[in-house]
């Protein structure tokens, strides 16, 4: 059976990556991002997406790409993982790719076993390689522990702020 893979393609540096189209909810321009103290370096922070607060990972930093100047082509790929939404900052994103199953290889055929466990397949498309990412392995839950943990006791701070405004 030669199943086609439909993926959303995006660029990080000069490389093309992809995620299954079923996992991608939308692609947006990069809005204002609120930093989260003590988060890992590749956690850009959180954004407010139509009233829903979602964490954002900078895939460029996660993959060690340099030259991270903001650019008008930068995008956030909003993905759904289980019941959560996560944003992924990429250099650019715009295309839906269809790659034949016969043009895809399992990662253990390309990389040493155990390395790059977030790669689910490597595909060939019109003379270029496309790396299909495993969203679940790419976005590890432990990375968001500092974002998801409820803040400590905020009442004294709120009370102090109210007292200042009196």
N, C-alpha and C. Protein backbone atom coordinates (compact mmCIF):
# COMPACT_ATOMS: atom_id res chain seq x y z
N UNK A 1 0.85 -1.18 0.00
CA UNK A 1 0.00 0.00 0.00
C UNK A 1 0.89 1.25 0.00
N UNK A 2 0.70 2.11 -0.98
CA UNK A 2 1.52 3.29 -1.14
C UNK A 2 0.71 4.52 -0.71
N UNK A 3 0.64 4.72 0.59
CA UNK A 3 -0.16 5.79 1.17
C UNK A 3 0.54 7.14 0.99
N UNK A 4 -0.22 8.15 0.59
CA UNK A 4 0.32 9.50 0.50
C UNK A 4 0.30 10.14 1.87
N UNK A 5 1.29 10.98 2.13
CA UNK A 5 1.36 11.75 3.37
C UNK A 5 1.03 13.19 3.03
N UNK A 6 0.04 13.76 3.69
CA UNK A 6 -0.27 15.17 3.54
C UNK A 6 0.27 15.89 4.75
N UNK A 7 1.17 16.81 4.51
CA UNK A 7 1.82 17.50 5.62
C UNK A 7 1.82 19.01 5.37
N UNK A 8 1.92 19.74 6.47
CA UNK A 8 2.10 21.19 6.40
C UNK A 8 3.61 21.41 6.44
N UNK A 9 4.14 22.02 5.39
CA UNK A 9 5.57 22.25 5.30
C UNK A 9 5.93 23.62 5.84
N UNK A 10 7.10 23.70 6.47
CA UNK A 10 7.60 24.97 6.96
C UNK A 10 9.12 24.93 6.96
N UNK A 11 9.73 26.12 7.00
CA UNK A 11 11.17 26.22 6.96
C UNK A 11 11.73 26.66 8.30
N UNK A 12 12.85 26.05 8.65
CA UNK A 12 13.67 26.49 9.77
C UNK A 12 15.07 26.57 9.18
N UNK A 13 15.59 27.78 9.09
CA UNK A 13 16.84 27.96 8.37
C UNK A 13 16.60 27.62 6.91
N UNK A 14 17.46 26.81 6.33
CA UNK A 14 17.33 26.42 4.92
C UNK A 14 16.61 25.08 4.76
N UNK A 15 16.23 24.47 5.86
CA UNK A 15 15.65 23.13 5.80
C UNK A 15 14.13 23.17 5.81
N UNK A 16 13.53 22.16 5.17
CA UNK A 16 12.08 22.03 5.14
C UNK A 16 11.67 20.91 6.09
N UNK A 17 10.73 21.24 6.96
CA UNK A 17 10.18 20.28 7.91
C UNK A 17 8.68 20.17 7.65
N UNK A 18 8.07 19.19 8.25
CA UNK A 18 6.63 19.05 8.09
C UNK A 18 5.99 18.38 9.29
N UNK A 19 4.71 18.67 9.44
CA UNK A 19 3.87 18.04 10.46
C UNK A 19 2.63 17.50 9.76
N UNK A 20 2.05 16.43 10.28
CA UNK A 20 0.82 15.92 9.67
C UNK A 20 -0.24 17.01 9.64
N UNK A 21 -0.92 17.13 8.54
CA UNK A 21 -1.92 18.18 8.39
C UNK A 21 -3.01 18.06 9.44
N UNK A 22 -3.27 16.86 9.92
CA UNK A 22 -4.32 16.65 10.92
C UNK A 22 -3.97 17.27 12.28
N UNK A 23 -2.68 17.51 12.54
CA UNK A 23 -2.26 18.07 13.83
C UNK A 23 -2.22 19.60 13.82
N UNK A 24 -2.20 20.20 12.64
CA UNK A 24 -2.06 21.65 12.52
C UNK A 24 -3.44 22.30 12.52
N UNK A 25 -3.64 23.22 13.46
CA UNK A 25 -4.94 23.93 13.56
C UNK A 25 -4.95 25.20 12.74
N UNK A 26 -3.83 25.94 12.77
CA UNK A 26 -3.74 27.17 11.99
C UNK A 26 -2.32 27.67 11.98
N UNK A 27 -2.07 28.62 11.10
CA UNK A 27 -0.77 29.28 11.01
C UNK A 27 -1.05 30.77 11.14
N UNK A 28 -0.34 31.41 12.09
CA UNK A 28 -0.59 32.83 12.36
C UNK A 28 0.71 33.63 12.31
N UNK A 29 0.57 34.93 12.14
CA UNK A 29 1.73 35.82 12.28
C UNK A 29 2.13 35.83 13.75
N UNK A 30 3.37 36.17 14.01
CA UNK A 30 3.87 36.16 15.39
C UNK A 30 3.32 37.39 16.12
N UNK A 31 2.46 37.17 17.12
CA UNK A 31 1.95 38.29 17.92
C UNK A 31 2.92 38.61 19.06
N UNK A 32 2.49 39.48 19.94
CA UNK A 32 3.30 39.75 21.13
C UNK A 32 3.34 38.48 21.98
N UNK A 33 4.53 38.11 22.41
CA UNK A 33 4.72 36.91 23.22
C UNK A 33 5.13 37.34 24.62
N UNK A 34 4.45 36.78 25.62
CA UNK A 34 4.77 37.08 27.01
C UNK A 34 5.76 36.03 27.51
N UNK A 35 6.92 36.50 27.95
CA UNK A 35 7.95 35.59 28.45
C UNK A 35 7.50 34.94 29.75
N UNK A 36 7.98 33.74 29.98
CA UNK A 36 7.68 33.01 31.21
C UNK A 36 9.01 32.82 31.96
N UNK A 37 9.10 33.35 33.19
CA UNK A 37 10.35 33.23 33.95
C UNK A 37 10.74 31.77 34.17
N UNK A 38 12.02 31.51 34.12
CA UNK A 38 12.61 30.20 34.39
C UNK A 38 12.24 29.12 33.38
N UNK A 39 11.70 29.49 32.23
CA UNK A 39 11.39 28.51 31.20
C UNK A 39 12.67 28.16 30.44
N UNK A 40 12.67 27.01 29.81
CA UNK A 40 13.81 26.61 28.98
C UNK A 40 14.05 27.67 27.89
N UNK A 41 15.27 27.76 27.42
CA UNK A 41 15.63 28.82 26.45
C UNK A 41 14.77 28.79 25.19
N UNK A 42 14.38 27.60 24.72
CA UNK A 42 13.60 27.52 23.49
C UNK A 42 12.10 27.72 23.72
N UNK A 43 11.68 27.90 24.96
CA UNK A 43 10.28 28.25 25.25
C UNK A 43 10.19 29.76 25.14
N UNK A 44 9.53 30.24 24.08
CA UNK A 44 9.45 31.68 23.84
C UNK A 44 8.54 32.36 24.86
N UNK A 45 7.53 31.65 25.35
CA UNK A 45 6.58 32.22 26.30
C UNK A 45 5.18 31.74 26.00
N UNK A 46 4.22 32.63 26.21
CA UNK A 46 2.82 32.30 25.95
C UNK A 46 2.18 33.42 25.13
N UNK A 47 1.13 33.04 24.39
CA UNK A 47 0.36 34.03 23.64
C UNK A 47 -1.12 33.86 23.97
N UNK A 48 -1.86 34.91 23.71
CA UNK A 48 -3.30 34.89 23.86
C UNK A 48 -3.88 34.71 22.46
N UNK A 49 -4.43 33.55 22.18
CA UNK A 49 -5.01 33.25 20.88
C UNK A 49 -6.53 33.19 21.03
N UNK A 50 -7.17 34.30 20.72
CA UNK A 50 -8.63 34.42 20.84
C UNK A 50 -9.13 33.98 22.21
N UNK A 51 -8.46 34.47 23.25
CA UNK A 51 -8.89 34.20 24.62
C UNK A 51 -8.30 32.95 25.23
N UNK A 52 -7.58 32.17 24.47
CA UNK A 52 -6.96 30.94 24.99
C UNK A 52 -5.45 31.18 25.10
N UNK A 53 -4.89 30.94 26.28
CA UNK A 53 -3.46 31.12 26.50
C UNK A 53 -2.75 29.83 26.10
N UNK A 54 -1.79 29.96 25.16
CA UNK A 54 -1.08 28.77 24.71
C UNK A 54 0.43 29.00 24.79
N UNK A 55 1.19 27.95 25.16
CA UNK A 55 2.65 28.06 25.20
C UNK A 55 3.21 28.07 23.78
N UNK A 56 4.37 28.70 23.64
CA UNK A 56 5.01 28.81 22.33
C UNK A 56 6.46 28.34 22.44
N UNK A 57 6.83 27.41 21.55
CA UNK A 57 8.20 26.91 21.46
C UNK A 57 8.83 27.54 20.23
N UNK A 58 10.04 28.04 20.37
CA UNK A 58 10.77 28.55 19.22
C UNK A 58 11.57 27.38 18.64
N UNK A 59 11.06 26.79 17.57
CA UNK A 59 11.74 25.63 16.99
C UNK A 59 13.11 26.01 16.44
N UNK A 60 13.29 27.25 16.07
CA UNK A 60 14.59 27.69 15.57
C UNK A 60 15.63 27.52 16.67
N UNK A 61 15.29 27.94 17.90
CA UNK A 61 16.23 27.77 19.03
C UNK A 61 16.36 26.31 19.41
N UNK A 62 15.26 25.59 19.40
CA UNK A 62 15.29 24.17 19.78
C UNK A 62 16.22 23.38 18.86
N UNK A 63 16.25 23.77 17.58
CA UNK A 63 17.09 23.07 16.61
C UNK A 63 18.47 23.71 16.46
N UNK A 64 18.77 24.73 17.28
CA UNK A 64 20.10 25.32 17.28
C UNK A 64 20.41 26.20 16.08
N UNK A 65 19.40 26.78 15.46
CA UNK A 65 19.61 27.65 14.30
C UNK A 65 19.98 29.05 14.79
N UNK A 66 20.99 29.64 14.15
CA UNK A 66 21.42 30.99 14.51
C UNK A 66 20.78 32.01 13.58
N UNK A 67 21.00 33.27 13.87
CA UNK A 67 20.42 34.34 13.04
C UNK A 67 18.92 34.43 13.24
N UNK A 68 18.50 34.67 14.47
CA UNK A 68 17.08 34.64 14.82
C UNK A 68 16.44 36.03 14.84
N UNK A 69 16.86 36.87 13.94
CA UNK A 69 16.25 38.20 13.88
C UNK A 69 14.79 38.07 13.46
N UNK A 70 13.90 38.84 14.10
CA UNK A 70 12.50 38.79 13.69
C UNK A 70 12.37 39.18 12.22
N UNK A 71 11.48 38.50 11.52
CA UNK A 71 11.26 38.76 10.11
C UNK A 71 9.76 38.69 9.83
N UNK A 72 9.30 39.43 8.86
CA UNK A 72 7.86 39.45 8.57
C UNK A 72 7.33 38.10 8.09
N UNK A 73 8.22 37.21 7.65
CA UNK A 73 7.78 35.88 7.21
C UNK A 73 7.68 34.88 8.36
N UNK A 74 8.21 35.23 9.55
CA UNK A 74 8.12 34.32 10.69
C UNK A 74 6.66 34.02 10.98
N UNK A 75 6.39 32.79 11.37
CA UNK A 75 5.03 32.37 11.66
C UNK A 75 5.01 31.50 12.91
N UNK A 76 3.82 31.37 13.47
CA UNK A 76 3.58 30.39 14.53
C UNK A 76 2.63 29.36 13.96
N UNK A 77 3.08 28.11 13.98
CA UNK A 77 2.24 26.99 13.57
C UNK A 77 1.55 26.51 14.84
N UNK A 78 0.24 26.65 14.90
CA UNK A 78 -0.51 26.23 16.08
C UNK A 78 -0.94 24.79 15.86
N UNK A 79 -0.50 23.93 16.77
CA UNK A 79 -0.79 22.50 16.66
C UNK A 79 -1.61 22.04 17.86
N UNK A 80 -2.29 20.94 17.68
CA UNK A 80 -3.06 20.35 18.77
C UNK A 80 -2.41 19.03 19.13
N UNK A 81 -2.10 18.90 20.41
CA UNK A 81 -1.50 17.68 20.94
C UNK A 81 -2.40 17.19 22.06
N UNK A 82 -3.04 16.07 21.83
CA UNK A 82 -4.06 15.56 22.74
C UNK A 82 -5.14 16.63 22.85
N UNK A 83 -5.31 17.25 23.99
CA UNK A 83 -6.35 18.27 24.13
C UNK A 83 -5.76 19.66 24.30
N UNK A 84 -4.47 19.80 24.07
CA UNK A 84 -3.78 21.08 24.28
C UNK A 84 -3.34 21.67 22.96
N UNK A 85 -3.24 23.00 22.95
CA UNK A 85 -2.70 23.70 21.80
C UNK A 85 -1.31 24.20 22.16
N UNK A 86 -0.40 24.16 21.19
CA UNK A 86 0.96 24.64 21.36
C UNK A 86 1.33 25.40 20.09
N UNK A 87 2.04 26.51 20.25
CA UNK A 87 2.52 27.26 19.10
C UNK A 87 3.99 26.95 18.85
N UNK A 88 4.35 26.85 17.57
CA UNK A 88 5.72 26.57 17.18
C UNK A 88 6.21 27.69 16.27
N UNK A 89 7.21 28.46 16.71
CA UNK A 89 7.74 29.53 15.87
C UNK A 89 8.67 28.93 14.82
N UNK A 90 8.43 29.29 13.55
CA UNK A 90 9.24 28.83 12.43
C UNK A 90 9.63 30.05 11.58
N UNK A 91 10.62 29.89 10.71
CA UNK A 91 11.03 30.99 9.85
C UNK A 91 9.91 31.36 8.88
N UNK A 92 9.30 30.36 8.27
CA UNK A 92 8.17 30.62 7.37
C UNK A 92 7.37 29.33 7.22
N UNK A 93 6.11 29.49 6.92
CA UNK A 93 5.23 28.34 6.71
C UNK A 93 4.15 28.75 5.73
N UNK A 94 3.92 27.89 4.76
CA UNK A 94 2.89 28.28 3.80
C UNK A 94 2.37 27.16 2.94
N UNK A 95 3.03 26.04 2.93
CA UNK A 95 2.64 25.06 1.94
C UNK A 95 2.11 23.76 2.52
N UNK A 96 1.16 23.17 1.81
CA UNK A 96 0.71 21.83 2.12
C UNK A 96 1.37 20.93 1.10
N UNK A 97 2.06 19.92 1.59
CA UNK A 97 2.81 19.02 0.72
C UNK A 97 2.16 17.65 0.70
N UNK A 98 2.19 17.01 -0.44
CA UNK A 98 1.73 15.62 -0.56
C UNK A 98 2.93 14.80 -1.03
N UNK A 99 3.33 13.86 -0.17
CA UNK A 99 4.50 13.03 -0.48
C UNK A 99 4.03 11.57 -0.52
N UNK A 100 4.39 10.90 -1.59
CA UNK A 100 4.02 9.48 -1.73
C UNK A 100 4.75 8.65 -0.68
N UNK A 101 4.07 7.65 -0.18
CA UNK A 101 4.66 6.76 0.83
C UNK A 101 5.95 6.13 0.36
N UNK A 102 6.05 5.84 -0.94
CA UNK A 102 7.26 5.22 -1.48
C UNK A 102 8.45 6.18 -1.44
N UNK A 103 8.20 7.46 -1.25
CA UNK A 103 9.25 8.48 -1.18
C UNK A 103 9.62 8.83 0.26
N UNK A 104 9.07 8.08 1.22
CA UNK A 104 9.35 8.33 2.64
C UNK A 104 10.21 7.19 3.20
N UNK A 105 11.12 7.55 4.09
CA UNK A 105 11.95 6.56 4.76
C UNK A 105 11.82 6.72 6.26
N UNK A 106 11.86 5.61 6.98
CA UNK A 106 11.83 5.64 8.43
C UNK A 106 13.14 6.27 8.92
N UNK A 107 13.10 6.96 10.07
CA UNK A 107 14.31 7.65 10.54
C UNK A 107 15.48 6.71 10.84
N UNK A 108 15.20 5.48 11.25
CA UNK A 108 16.31 4.57 11.57
C UNK A 108 17.04 4.11 10.31
N UNK A 109 16.45 4.36 9.13
CA UNK A 109 17.15 4.08 7.88
C UNK A 109 18.09 5.22 7.52
N UNK A 110 17.93 6.37 8.17
CA UNK A 110 18.69 7.57 7.84
C UNK A 110 19.64 7.95 8.98
N UNK A 111 19.14 7.95 10.22
CA UNK A 111 19.91 8.38 11.38
C UNK A 111 20.25 7.20 12.27
N UNK A 112 21.33 7.31 13.06
CA UNK A 112 21.62 6.25 14.03
C UNK A 112 20.45 6.08 15.00
N UNK A 113 20.21 4.86 15.40
CA UNK A 113 19.09 4.56 16.29
C UNK A 113 19.18 5.38 17.58
N UNK A 114 18.07 5.97 17.97
CA UNK A 114 17.99 6.74 19.20
C UNK A 114 18.27 8.22 19.03
N UNK A 115 18.93 8.61 17.93
CA UNK A 115 19.19 10.04 17.70
C UNK A 115 18.00 10.64 16.96
N UNK A 116 17.74 11.88 17.22
CA UNK A 116 16.67 12.61 16.55
C UNK A 116 15.35 11.84 16.65
N UNK A 117 14.99 11.46 17.87
CA UNK A 117 13.78 10.68 18.08
C UNK A 117 12.50 11.44 17.71
N UNK A 118 12.61 12.75 17.49
CA UNK A 118 11.44 13.54 17.10
C UNK A 118 11.20 13.50 15.59
N UNK A 119 12.06 12.82 14.84
CA UNK A 119 11.86 12.66 13.39
C UNK A 119 11.09 11.38 13.16
N UNK A 120 9.93 11.48 12.48
CA UNK A 120 9.15 10.27 12.23
C UNK A 120 9.42 9.68 10.85
N UNK A 121 9.78 10.54 9.88
CA UNK A 121 10.10 10.08 8.53
C UNK A 121 10.92 11.15 7.82
N UNK A 122 11.62 10.73 6.78
CA UNK A 122 12.32 11.67 5.90
C UNK A 122 11.79 11.39 4.50
N UNK A 123 11.31 12.44 3.84
CA UNK A 123 10.71 12.27 2.52
C UNK A 123 11.47 13.01 1.44
N UNK A 124 11.31 12.53 0.22
CA UNK A 124 11.90 13.19 -0.94
C UNK A 124 10.76 13.78 -1.76
N UNK A 125 10.92 15.07 -2.10
CA UNK A 125 9.89 15.76 -2.87
C UNK A 125 10.55 16.74 -3.83
N UNK A 126 10.42 16.49 -5.10
CA UNK A 126 10.94 17.39 -6.14
C UNK A 126 12.39 17.79 -5.90
N UNK A 127 13.23 16.83 -5.58
CA UNK A 127 14.65 17.10 -5.43
C UNK A 127 15.07 17.65 -4.08
N UNK A 128 14.15 17.78 -3.16
CA UNK A 128 14.54 18.26 -1.83
C UNK A 128 14.08 17.26 -0.78
N UNK A 129 14.69 17.35 0.40
CA UNK A 129 14.31 16.47 1.50
C UNK A 129 13.38 17.22 2.45
N UNK A 130 12.41 16.51 2.97
CA UNK A 130 11.46 17.06 3.93
C UNK A 130 11.50 16.16 5.15
N UNK A 131 11.74 16.76 6.31
CA UNK A 131 11.81 16.00 7.55
C UNK A 131 10.47 16.09 8.26
N UNK A 132 9.79 14.97 8.37
CA UNK A 132 8.49 14.90 9.04
C UNK A 132 8.73 14.70 10.53
N UNK A 133 8.15 15.59 11.33
CA UNK A 133 8.38 15.58 12.78
C UNK A 133 7.30 14.81 13.51
N UNK A 134 7.69 14.16 14.59
CA UNK A 134 6.76 13.48 15.49
C UNK A 134 6.39 14.49 16.56
N UNK A 135 5.19 15.01 16.48
CA UNK A 135 4.77 16.10 17.35
C UNK A 135 4.85 15.73 18.83
N UNK A 136 4.43 14.54 19.17
CA UNK A 136 4.42 14.12 20.57
C UNK A 136 5.83 14.10 21.16
N UNK A 137 6.80 13.64 20.39
CA UNK A 137 8.18 13.59 20.88
C UNK A 137 8.83 14.96 20.82
N UNK A 138 8.42 15.78 19.87
CA UNK A 138 8.98 17.12 19.73
C UNK A 138 8.57 18.01 20.90
N UNK A 139 7.31 17.88 21.31
CA UNK A 139 6.76 18.71 22.38
C UNK A 139 6.61 17.85 23.62
N UNK A 140 7.65 17.76 24.38
CA UNK A 140 7.62 16.93 25.59
C UNK A 140 6.91 17.68 26.70
N UNK A 141 6.06 17.00 27.41
CA UNK A 141 5.27 17.63 28.47
C UNK A 141 6.13 18.27 29.55
N UNK A 142 7.24 17.68 29.90
CA UNK A 142 8.08 18.22 30.95
C UNK A 142 8.58 19.63 30.67
N UNK A 143 8.66 19.98 29.39
CA UNK A 143 9.12 21.31 29.03
C UNK A 143 8.19 22.40 29.54
N UNK A 144 6.94 22.07 29.74
CA UNK A 144 5.96 23.07 30.11
C UNK A 144 5.64 23.08 31.60
N UNK A 145 6.38 22.31 32.38
CA UNK A 145 6.09 22.23 33.80
C UNK A 145 6.09 23.61 34.45
N UNK A 146 7.07 24.45 34.10
CA UNK A 146 7.15 25.78 34.73
C UNK A 146 6.00 26.67 34.27
N UNK A 147 5.44 26.41 33.11
CA UNK A 147 4.32 27.22 32.62
C UNK A 147 3.01 26.74 33.23
N UNK A 148 2.86 25.41 33.37
CA UNK A 148 1.60 24.84 33.82
C UNK A 148 1.42 24.88 35.33
N UNK A 149 2.53 24.89 36.09
CA UNK A 149 2.39 24.89 37.54
C UNK A 149 1.71 26.17 37.98
N UNK A 150 0.75 26.07 38.88
CA UNK A 150 0.11 27.30 39.36
C UNK A 150 1.13 28.14 40.10
N UNK A 151 1.07 29.46 39.90
CA UNK A 151 2.03 30.32 40.59
C UNK A 151 1.86 30.20 42.09
N UNK A 152 2.90 30.58 42.80
CA UNK A 152 2.84 30.55 44.26
C UNK A 152 1.76 31.49 44.76
N UNK A 153 1.78 31.77 46.00
CA UNK A 153 0.75 32.61 46.62
C UNK A 153 0.82 34.03 46.05
N UNK A 154 -0.15 34.40 45.23
CA UNK A 154 -0.16 35.71 44.59
C UNK A 154 -0.97 36.73 45.37
N UNK A 155 -1.70 36.30 46.37
CA UNK A 155 -2.59 37.22 47.09
C UNK A 155 -1.84 38.38 47.74
N UNK A 156 -0.71 38.16 48.41
CA UNK A 156 -0.03 39.32 49.01
C UNK A 156 0.42 40.33 47.96
N UNK A 157 0.86 39.86 46.79
CA UNK A 157 1.29 40.78 45.73
C UNK A 157 0.09 41.57 45.24
N UNK A 158 -1.03 40.90 45.00
CA UNK A 158 -2.24 41.58 44.53
C UNK A 158 -2.71 42.58 45.58
N UNK A 159 -2.66 42.19 46.84
CA UNK A 159 -3.09 43.10 47.91
C UNK A 159 -2.17 44.31 47.98
N UNK A 160 -0.87 44.08 47.81
CA UNK A 160 0.08 45.19 47.84
C UNK A 160 -0.18 46.15 46.68
N UNK A 161 -0.47 45.61 45.50
CA UNK A 161 -0.76 46.45 44.34
C UNK A 161 -2.03 47.26 44.55
N UNK A 162 -3.05 46.64 45.14
CA UNK A 162 -4.30 47.36 45.42
C UNK A 162 -4.05 48.47 46.41
N UNK A 163 -3.23 48.19 47.42
CA UNK A 163 -2.96 49.21 48.46
C UNK A 163 -2.23 50.40 47.84
N UNK A 164 -1.34 50.14 46.87
CA UNK A 164 -0.61 51.22 46.22
C UNK A 164 -1.53 52.14 45.43
N UNK A 165 -2.62 51.61 44.90
CA UNK A 165 -3.53 52.38 44.07
C UNK A 165 -4.57 53.14 44.88
N UNK A 166 -4.56 53.00 46.21
CA UNK A 166 -5.54 53.68 47.05
C UNK A 166 -5.15 55.09 47.36
